[in-house]
Amino acid sequence: MIPNHPEPEQILLENVLFALGNPLRLSILRLIADGSELSCNALRPQEVAKSTMTHHWRVLRDSGVIWQRPQGRENMISLRKEDLDARFPGLLNTLLQVM
């Protein structure tokens, strides 16, 4: 199955804000904000079920916040910083400063 990654011009502010309105998804943003690419298992808190994380990855991916790519049996997650900065200048920096 190929993940749905919207084109940069298809990323909508309301979808990004919805995706980042959840504390768990916001904490994921903090972990990958430095530009690192981490596996979905490295980002999953122990107490959160894999099925729950699958939902959160889909919301973040479909809103245009993250890139998700398969690598072996894992999915690698990274922030779409360039796309988000181009669409909504200053949004990520503002969010990261207040977190």
N, C-alpha and C. Protein backbone atom coordinates (compact mmCIF):
# COMPACT_ATOMS: atom_id res chain seq x y z
N MET A 1 0.84 -1.18 0.00
CA MET A 1 0.00 0.00 0.00
C MET A 1 0.88 1.25 0.00
N ILE A 2 0.59 2.18 -0.87
CA ILE A 2 1.35 3.43 -0.97
C ILE A 2 0.70 4.48 -0.08
N PRO A 3 1.49 5.07 0.84
CA PRO A 3 0.91 6.10 1.72
C PRO A 3 0.48 7.33 0.93
N ASN A 4 -0.53 8.01 1.45
CA ASN A 4 -1.03 9.24 0.83
C ASN A 4 -0.25 10.43 1.36
N HIS A 5 0.59 10.99 0.50
CA HIS A 5 1.32 12.21 0.84
C HIS A 5 0.78 13.31 -0.07
N PRO A 6 0.09 14.29 0.48
CA PRO A 6 -0.43 15.35 -0.39
C PRO A 6 0.70 16.16 -1.01
N GLU A 7 0.46 16.66 -2.20
CA GLU A 7 1.40 17.58 -2.83
C GLU A 7 1.47 18.85 -1.98
N PRO A 8 2.59 19.58 -2.02
CA PRO A 8 2.72 20.77 -1.18
C PRO A 8 1.55 21.75 -1.32
N GLU A 9 1.07 21.95 -2.53
CA GLU A 9 -0.03 22.91 -2.73
C GLU A 9 -1.37 22.37 -2.21
N GLN A 10 -1.43 21.09 -1.88
CA GLN A 10 -2.65 20.49 -1.34
C GLN A 10 -2.69 20.50 0.19
N ILE A 11 -1.60 20.91 0.83
CA ILE A 11 -1.55 20.95 2.29
C ILE A 11 -2.39 22.13 2.76
N LEU A 12 -3.38 21.85 3.59
CA LEU A 12 -4.30 22.87 4.08
C LEU A 12 -4.01 23.19 5.54
N LEU A 13 -4.08 24.47 5.88
CA LEU A 13 -3.80 24.91 7.24
C LEU A 13 -4.70 24.22 8.26
N GLU A 14 -5.99 24.10 7.95
CA GLU A 14 -6.90 23.49 8.92
C GLU A 14 -6.54 22.03 9.19
N ASN A 15 -6.04 21.32 8.18
CA ASN A 15 -5.62 19.93 8.39
C ASN A 15 -4.36 19.84 9.24
N VAL A 16 -3.42 20.74 8.99
CA VAL A 16 -2.18 20.78 9.78
C VAL A 16 -2.49 21.10 11.23
N LEU A 17 -3.33 22.10 11.46
CA LEU A 17 -3.68 22.48 12.83
C LEU A 17 -4.45 21.37 13.54
N PHE A 18 -5.33 20.69 12.81
CA PHE A 18 -6.04 19.55 13.40
C PHE A 18 -5.05 18.46 13.80
N ALA A 19 -4.13 18.14 12.89
CA ALA A 19 -3.15 17.09 13.17
C ALA A 19 -2.30 17.42 14.39
N LEU A 20 -1.94 18.68 14.53
CA LEU A 20 -1.07 19.08 15.64
C LEU A 20 -1.87 19.45 16.89
N GLY A 21 -3.17 19.32 16.84
CA GLY A 21 -4.01 19.63 17.99
C GLY A 21 -4.09 18.50 19.01
N ASN A 22 -3.44 17.39 18.72
CA ASN A 22 -3.42 16.25 19.63
C ASN A 22 -2.07 16.22 20.36
N PRO A 23 -2.06 16.07 21.68
CA PRO A 23 -0.80 16.12 22.44
C PRO A 23 0.23 15.08 21.99
N LEU A 24 -0.20 13.87 21.65
CA LEU A 24 0.75 12.84 21.21
C LEU A 24 1.37 13.22 19.87
N ARG A 25 0.55 13.68 18.93
CA ARG A 25 1.08 14.07 17.62
C ARG A 25 1.98 15.30 17.75
N LEU A 26 1.67 16.19 18.65
CA LEU A 26 2.51 17.36 18.89
C LEU A 26 3.86 16.93 19.48
N SER A 27 3.85 15.94 20.34
CA SER A 27 5.11 15.45 20.91
C SER A 27 5.98 14.79 19.84
N ILE A 28 5.36 14.15 18.85
CA ILE A 28 6.11 13.57 17.73
C ILE A 28 6.78 14.69 16.94
N LEU A 29 6.06 15.79 16.73
CA LEU A 29 6.64 16.94 16.03
C LEU A 29 7.91 17.41 16.73
N ARG A 30 7.86 17.49 18.05
CA ARG A 30 9.04 17.92 18.82
C ARG A 30 10.23 17.00 18.57
N LEU A 31 9.97 15.70 18.49
CA LEU A 31 11.05 14.72 18.34
C LEU A 31 11.71 14.75 16.96
N ILE A 32 10.96 15.14 15.94
CA ILE A 32 11.52 15.13 14.59
C ILE A 32 11.76 16.54 14.05
N ALA A 33 11.56 17.54 14.88
CA ALA A 33 11.69 18.93 14.43
C ALA A 33 13.12 19.29 14.03
N ASP A 34 14.10 18.56 14.53
CA ASP A 34 15.50 18.87 14.21
C ASP A 34 15.91 18.33 12.84
N GLY A 35 14.97 17.72 12.13
CA GLY A 35 15.26 17.20 10.80
C GLY A 35 15.63 15.74 10.78
N SER A 36 15.59 15.09 11.93
CA SER A 36 15.95 13.67 11.98
C SER A 36 14.85 12.81 11.38
N GLU A 37 15.26 11.65 10.91
CA GLU A 37 14.33 10.65 10.39
C GLU A 37 14.41 9.46 11.34
N LEU A 38 13.30 9.14 11.96
CA LEU A 38 13.27 8.07 12.96
C LEU A 38 12.24 7.02 12.58
N SER A 39 12.46 5.81 13.06
CA SER A 39 11.49 4.74 12.79
C SER A 39 10.23 4.97 13.62
N CYS A 40 9.13 4.47 13.11
CA CYS A 40 7.87 4.63 13.83
C CYS A 40 7.95 3.98 15.21
N ASN A 41 8.69 2.88 15.34
CA ASN A 41 8.82 2.23 16.65
C ASN A 41 9.64 3.06 17.62
N ALA A 42 10.64 3.78 17.12
CA ALA A 42 11.45 4.64 17.99
C ALA A 42 10.63 5.82 18.51
N LEU A 43 9.62 6.22 17.76
CA LEU A 43 8.78 7.36 18.14
C LEU A 43 7.56 6.95 18.96
N ARG A 44 7.27 5.66 19.01
CA ARG A 44 6.06 5.19 19.71
C ARG A 44 6.31 5.05 21.20
N PRO A 45 5.55 5.78 22.02
CA PRO A 45 5.65 5.58 23.47
C PRO A 45 5.24 4.15 23.84
N GLN A 46 5.90 3.57 24.83
CA GLN A 46 5.64 2.19 25.25
C GLN A 46 4.17 1.94 25.55
N GLU A 47 3.52 2.92 26.17
CA GLU A 47 2.15 2.71 26.65
C GLU A 47 1.09 2.87 25.55
N VAL A 48 1.51 3.21 24.34
CA VAL A 48 0.56 3.43 23.24
C VAL A 48 0.59 2.23 22.30
N ALA A 49 -0.58 1.68 22.01
CA ALA A 49 -0.70 0.52 21.14
C ALA A 49 -0.28 0.86 19.71
N LYS A 50 0.26 -0.13 19.01
CA LYS A 50 0.67 0.07 17.62
C LYS A 50 -0.51 0.50 16.76
N SER A 51 -1.68 -0.07 17.01
CA SER A 51 -2.86 0.30 16.22
C SER A 51 -3.25 1.76 16.43
N THR A 52 -3.07 2.25 17.63
CA THR A 52 -3.34 3.67 17.91
C THR A 52 -2.35 4.54 17.17
N MET A 53 -1.09 4.13 17.17
CA MET A 53 -0.06 4.91 16.47
C MET A 53 -0.31 4.92 14.97
N THR A 54 -0.81 3.81 14.43
CA THR A 54 -1.13 3.76 13.00
C THR A 54 -2.12 4.87 12.65
N HIS A 55 -3.09 5.08 13.50
CA HIS A 55 -4.05 6.17 13.29
C HIS A 55 -3.34 7.53 13.31
N HIS A 56 -2.48 7.75 14.29
CA HIS A 56 -1.78 9.03 14.40
C HIS A 56 -0.84 9.26 13.21
N TRP A 57 -0.15 8.21 12.75
CA TRP A 57 0.72 8.36 11.57
C TRP A 57 -0.12 8.78 10.36
N ARG A 58 -1.29 8.15 10.21
CA ARG A 58 -2.15 8.47 9.06
C ARG A 58 -2.61 9.93 9.10
N VAL A 59 -3.01 10.40 10.27
CA VAL A 59 -3.46 11.80 10.40
C VAL A 59 -2.31 12.74 10.06
N LEU A 60 -1.13 12.49 10.60
CA LEU A 60 0.03 13.36 10.33
C LEU A 60 0.43 13.31 8.86
N ARG A 61 0.44 12.11 8.29
CA ARG A 61 0.83 11.94 6.89
C ARG A 61 -0.19 12.57 5.95
N ASP A 62 -1.46 12.28 6.15
CA ASP A 62 -2.50 12.78 5.25
C ASP A 62 -2.67 14.29 5.33
N SER A 63 -2.28 14.88 6.45
CA SER A 63 -2.37 16.34 6.59
C SER A 63 -1.16 17.04 5.98
N GLY A 64 -0.12 16.28 5.66
CA GLY A 64 1.08 16.87 5.07
C GLY A 64 2.15 17.25 6.07
N VAL A 65 2.02 16.81 7.32
CA VAL A 65 3.00 17.17 8.35
C VAL A 65 4.25 16.30 8.26
N ILE A 66 4.09 15.01 7.93
CA ILE A 66 5.24 14.10 7.90
C ILE A 66 5.36 13.39 6.56
N TRP A 67 6.59 12.93 6.30
CA TRP A 67 6.86 11.95 5.25
C TRP A 67 6.94 10.61 5.95
N GLN A 68 6.40 9.58 5.34
CA GLN A 68 6.49 8.23 5.87
C GLN A 68 6.94 7.34 4.73
N ARG A 69 8.06 6.64 4.94
CA ARG A 69 8.56 5.76 3.88
C ARG A 69 8.95 4.41 4.48
N PRO A 70 8.69 3.34 3.75
CA PRO A 70 9.05 2.02 4.25
C PRO A 70 10.55 1.79 4.16
N GLN A 71 11.07 1.11 5.17
CA GLN A 71 12.47 0.66 5.15
C GLN A 71 12.49 -0.69 5.85
N GLY A 72 12.57 -1.74 5.05
CA GLY A 72 12.49 -3.09 5.62
C GLY A 72 11.13 -3.31 6.24
N ARG A 73 11.13 -3.72 7.51
CA ARG A 73 9.87 -3.98 8.22
C ARG A 73 9.38 -2.77 9.00
N GLU A 74 10.05 -1.66 8.87
CA GLU A 74 9.71 -0.44 9.61
C GLU A 74 9.24 0.64 8.64
N ASN A 75 8.66 1.68 9.20
CA ASN A 75 8.38 2.90 8.46
C ASN A 75 9.21 4.00 9.07
N MET A 76 9.85 4.77 8.23
CA MET A 76 10.67 5.89 8.69
C MET A 76 9.83 7.16 8.59
N ILE A 77 9.95 7.99 9.62
CA ILE A 77 9.14 9.20 9.74
C ILE A 77 10.05 10.42 9.75
N SER A 78 9.70 11.43 8.96
CA SER A 78 10.43 12.71 8.99
C SER A 78 9.44 13.85 8.77
N LEU A 79 9.83 15.01 9.23
CA LEU A 79 8.99 16.21 9.13
C LEU A 79 9.10 16.82 7.74
N ARG A 80 7.99 17.28 7.19
CA ARG A 80 7.99 17.96 5.89
C ARG A 80 8.22 19.45 6.11
N LYS A 81 9.32 19.78 6.73
CA LYS A 81 9.62 21.15 7.13
C LYS A 81 9.64 22.12 5.95
N GLU A 82 10.32 21.76 4.87
CA GLU A 82 10.43 22.66 3.72
C GLU A 82 9.05 22.94 3.12
N ASP A 83 8.25 21.90 2.97
CA ASP A 83 6.91 22.07 2.40
C ASP A 83 6.03 22.93 3.31
N LEU A 84 6.09 22.66 4.61
CA LEU A 84 5.26 23.43 5.55
C LEU A 84 5.73 24.88 5.64
N ASP A 85 7.05 25.10 5.63
CA ASP A 85 7.57 26.47 5.67
C ASP A 85 7.20 27.24 4.41
N ALA A 86 7.19 26.56 3.27
CA ALA A 86 6.83 27.22 2.02
C ALA A 86 5.34 27.59 2.00
N ARG A 87 4.50 26.69 2.51
CA ARG A 87 3.05 26.93 2.53
C ARG A 87 2.63 27.92 3.59
N PHE A 88 3.22 27.78 4.78
CA PHE A 88 2.82 28.59 5.95
C PHE A 88 4.07 29.13 6.64
N PRO A 89 4.68 30.17 6.08
CA PRO A 89 5.94 30.69 6.62
C PRO A 89 5.82 31.04 8.11
N GLY A 90 6.76 30.53 8.88
CA GLY A 90 6.83 30.84 10.30
C GLY A 90 5.97 29.97 11.21
N LEU A 91 5.07 29.17 10.65
CA LEU A 91 4.16 28.37 11.48
C LEU A 91 4.93 27.39 12.36
N LEU A 92 5.81 26.59 11.76
CA LEU A 92 6.54 25.60 12.55
C LEU A 92 7.43 26.26 13.60
N ASN A 93 8.14 27.30 13.20
CA ASN A 93 9.02 27.98 14.16
C ASN A 93 8.22 28.53 15.33
N THR A 94 7.07 29.10 15.05
CA THR A 94 6.22 29.64 16.12
C THR A 94 5.75 28.52 17.05
N LEU A 95 5.29 27.42 16.47
CA LEU A 95 4.83 26.30 17.29
C LEU A 95 5.96 25.75 18.15
N LEU A 96 7.13 25.60 17.56
CA LEU A 96 8.26 25.04 18.30
C LEU A 96 8.75 25.97 19.40
N GLN A 97 8.62 27.27 19.21
CA GLN A 97 9.05 28.22 20.24
C GLN A 97 8.14 28.19 21.45
N VAL A 98 6.86 27.95 21.25
CA VAL A 98 5.93 27.98 22.38
C VAL A 98 5.76 26.61 23.05
N MET A 99 6.36 25.58 22.49
CA MET A 99 6.23 24.24 23.07
C MET A 99 7.28 24.00 24.12
